[in-house]
C-alpha atoms as a PDB file:
ATOM      1  CA  MET A   1      -2.760   0.759  -7.490  1.00  0.00           C
ATOM      2  CA  ALA A   2      -2.966  -2.482  -9.411  1.00  0.00           C
ATOM      3  CA  GLN A   3      -3.593  -0.570 -12.631  1.00  0.00           C
ATOM      4  CA  THR A   4      -0.476   1.499 -11.961  1.00  0.00           C
ATOM      5  CA  ALA A   5       1.536  -1.690 -11.436  1.00  0.00           C
ATOM      6  CA  GLY A   6       0.913  -2.588 -15.059  1.00  0.00           C
ATOM      7  CA  GLN A   7       0.133  -6.186 -15.904  1.00  0.00           C
ATOM      8  CA  ALA A   8      -3.001  -7.766 -14.437  1.00  0.00           C
ATOM      9  CA  ASP A   9      -1.003 -10.680 -12.983  1.00  0.00           C
ATOM     10  CA  ARG A  10       0.691  -8.214 -10.596  1.00  0.00           C
ATOM     11  CA  ALA A  11      -2.546  -7.249  -8.829  1.00  0.00           C
ATOM     12  CA  THR A  12      -2.660 -10.161  -6.360  1.00  0.00           C
ATOM     13  CA  PRO A  13       1.030 -10.036  -5.351  1.00  0.00           C
ATOM     14  CA  LEU A  14       0.788  -6.257  -4.938  1.00  0.00           C
ATOM     15  CA  LYS A  15      -2.318  -6.614  -2.765  1.00  0.00           C
ATOM     16  CA  SER A  16      -0.541  -9.301  -0.715  1.00  0.00           C
ATOM     17  CA  TYR A  17       2.507  -7.078  -0.292  1.00  0.00           C
ATOM     18  CA  CYS A  18       0.413  -4.112   0.869  1.00  0.00           C
ATOM     19  CA  THR A  19      -1.475  -6.382   3.273  1.00  0.00           C
ATOM     20  CA  GLY A  20       1.834  -7.724   4.591  1.00  0.00           C
ATOM     21  CA  LEU A  21       3.039  -4.191   5.285  1.00  0.00           C
ATOM     22  CA  LEU A  22      -0.036  -3.567   7.422  1.00  0.00           C
ATOM     23  CA  LEU A  23       0.164  -6.810   9.422  1.00  0.00           C
ATOM     24  CA  PRO A  24       1.910  -6.912  12.791  1.00  0.00           C
ATOM     25  CA  GLY A  25       5.516  -7.966  12.766  1.00  0.00           C
ATOM     26  CA  GLU A  26       8.907  -6.378  13.033  1.00  0.00           C
ATOM     27  CA  ARG A  27      10.344  -7.504   9.722  1.00  0.00           C
ATOM     28  CA  LYS A  28       8.704  -6.224   6.561  1.00  0.00           C
ATOM     29  CA  ASN A  29      10.818  -8.341   4.212  1.00  0.00           C
ATOM     30  CA  ALA A  30       9.223 -10.645   1.649  1.00  0.00           C
ATOM     31  CA  GLU A  31       9.918 -13.921   3.481  1.00  0.00           C
ATOM     32  CA  PRO A  32       8.447 -13.042   6.911  1.00  0.00           C
ATOM     33  CA  MET A  33       5.466 -11.391   5.228  1.00  0.00           C
ATOM     34  CA  ALA A  34       4.929 -14.487   3.085  1.00  0.00           C
ATOM     35  CA  ALA A  35       4.974 -16.645   6.210  1.00  0.00           C
ATOM     36  CA  ARG A  36       2.333 -14.470   7.883  1.00  0.00           C
ATOM     37  CA  LEU A  37       0.161 -14.214   4.768  1.00  0.00           C
ATOM     38  CA  TYR A  38       0.393 -17.783   3.482  1.00  0.00           C
ATOM     39  CA  PRO A  39       1.714 -20.096   6.228  1.00  0.00           C
ATOM     40  CA  ASN A  40       0.918 -23.201   4.159  1.00  0.00           C
ATOM     41  CA  ASN A  41       2.597 -21.921   1.015  1.00  0.00           C
ATOM     42  CA  VAL A  42       5.531 -19.790   2.165  1.00  0.00           C
ATOM     43  CA  ARG A  43       7.965 -20.658  -0.619  1.00  0.00           C
ATOM     44  CA  GLN A  44       5.645 -19.743  -3.489  1.00  0.00           C
ATOM     45  CA  ALA A  45       4.339 -16.638  -1.680  1.00  0.00           C
ATOM     46  CA  HIS A  46       7.894 -15.481  -0.959  1.00  0.00           C
ATOM     47  CA  GLN A  47       8.805 -15.897  -4.612  1.00  0.00           C
ATOM     48  CA  SER A  48       5.720 -13.960  -5.698  1.00  0.00           C
ATOM     49  CA  LEU A  49       6.365 -11.104  -3.252  1.00  0.00           C
ATOM     50  CA  HIS A  50      10.041 -10.979  -4.158  1.00  0.00           C
ATOM     51  CA  HIS A  51       9.185 -10.851  -7.855  1.00  0.00           C
ATOM     52  CA  ILE A  52       6.743  -7.948  -7.481  1.00  0.00           C
ATOM     53  CA  LEU A  53       9.446  -5.955  -5.676  1.00  0.00           C
ATOM     54  CA  ALA A  54      12.461  -6.959  -7.751  1.00  0.00           C
ATOM     55  CA  GLU A  55      10.705  -6.486 -11.082  1.00  0.00           C
ATOM     56  CA  ALA A  56       8.911  -3.245 -10.220  1.00  0.00           C
ATOM     57  CA  ALA A  57       8.297  -1.943 -13.727  1.00  0.00           C
ATOM     58  CA  TRP A  58       5.998   0.882 -12.641  1.00  0.00           C
ATOM     59  CA  SER A  59       6.882   4.538 -12.283  1.00  0.00           C
ATOM     60  CA  ASP A  60       7.509   5.502  -8.656  1.00  0.00           C
ATOM     61  CA  ASP A  61       5.806   8.850  -9.214  1.00  0.00           C
ATOM     62  CA  ASP A  62       2.731   7.197 -10.737  1.00  0.00           C
ATOM     63  CA  MET A  63       2.518   4.685  -7.873  1.00  0.00           C
ATOM     64  CA  LEU A  64       2.857   7.410  -5.230  1.00  0.00           C
ATOM     65  CA  GLU A  65       0.100   9.392  -6.931  1.00  0.00           C
ATOM     66  CA  ALA A  66      -2.139   6.296  -7.004  1.00  0.00           C
ATOM     67  CA  VAL A  67      -1.557   5.751  -3.279  1.00  0.00           C
ATOM     68  CA  ARG A  68      -1.992   9.415  -2.397  1.00  0.00           C
ATOM     69  CA  VAL A  69      -5.605   9.583  -3.617  1.00  0.00           C
ATOM     70  CA  TYR A  70      -6.883   7.190  -0.915  1.00  0.00           C
ATOM     71  CA  PRO A  71      -7.005   9.720   1.959  1.00  0.00           C
ATOM     72  CA  LEU A  72      -8.284  12.575  -0.231  1.00  0.00           C
ATOM     73  CA  PRO A  73     -12.016  11.871   0.172  1.00  0.00           C
ATOM     74  CA  LYS A  74     -11.565  12.167   3.935  1.00  0.00           C
ATOM     75  CA  CYS A  75      -9.471  15.323   3.718  1.00  0.00           C
ATOM     76  CA  GLY A  76     -10.832  17.099   0.659  1.00  0.00           C
ATOM     77  CA  PRO A  77     -13.151  20.067   0.409  1.00  0.00           C
ATOM     78  CA  GLY A  78     -15.899  20.020   2.991  1.00  0.00           C
ATOM     79  CA  THR A  79     -13.751  18.658   5.830  1.00  0.00           C
ATOM     80  CA  ARG A  80     -15.244  20.624   8.695  1.00  0.00           C
ATOM     81  CA  SER A  81     -14.693  18.794  11.963  1.00  0.00           C
ATOM     82  CA  GLU A  82     -11.591  19.724  13.947  1.00  0.00           C
ATOM     83  CA  GLY A  83     -10.939  16.065  14.746  1.00  0.00           C
ATOM     84  CA  ARG A  84     -10.943  15.119  11.068  1.00  0.00           C
ATOM     85  CA  LYS A  85      -8.703  18.084  10.193  1.00  0.00           C
ATOM     86  CA  GLN A  86      -6.214  17.005  12.872  1.00  0.00           C
ATOM     87  CA  GLU A  87      -6.278  13.433  11.518  1.00  0.00           C
ATOM     88  CA  CYS A  88      -5.534  14.753   8.042  1.00  0.00           C
ATOM     89  CA  ARG A  89      -2.562  16.726   9.357  1.00  0.00           C
ATOM     90  CA  THR A  90      -1.051  13.983  11.490  1.00  0.00           C
ATOM     91  CA  LYS A  91      -1.985  10.774   9.717  1.00  0.00           C
ATOM     92  CA  TYR A  92      -1.808  11.884   6.088  1.00  0.00           C
ATOM     93  CA  GLY A  93       0.641  14.775   6.337  1.00  0.00           C
ATOM     94  CA  PHE A  94      -1.376  17.533   4.744  1.00  0.00           C
ATOM     95  CA  LYS A  95      -3.839  20.238   5.562  1.00  0.00           C
ATOM     96  CA  PRO A  96      -7.383  19.749   4.274  1.00  0.00           C
ATOM     97  CA  SER A  97      -8.484  22.143   1.580  1.00  0.00           C
ATOM     98  CA  ARG A  98     -11.267  24.579   2.348  1.00  0.00           C
END
């Protein structure tokens, strides 16, 4: 994903943003995520997260494609167990290939 984001200096803020989305908490805005991620440096973290979102110079289609490849090894050819197939359908939204 970081490669899709473009410049190398965007890798850390993008990783922080994705981590913030996965952390518990109702609000998924930059400021509350910054407070959860970097409680001792909220102001700078908020600015960094805000910048990565406000200045998103990447292609949405390219970013979605980069994100989409993560579940593929679990749901690609050779997925035989019924439990794994059900996970692919419910969690990732697609049917595993045969």
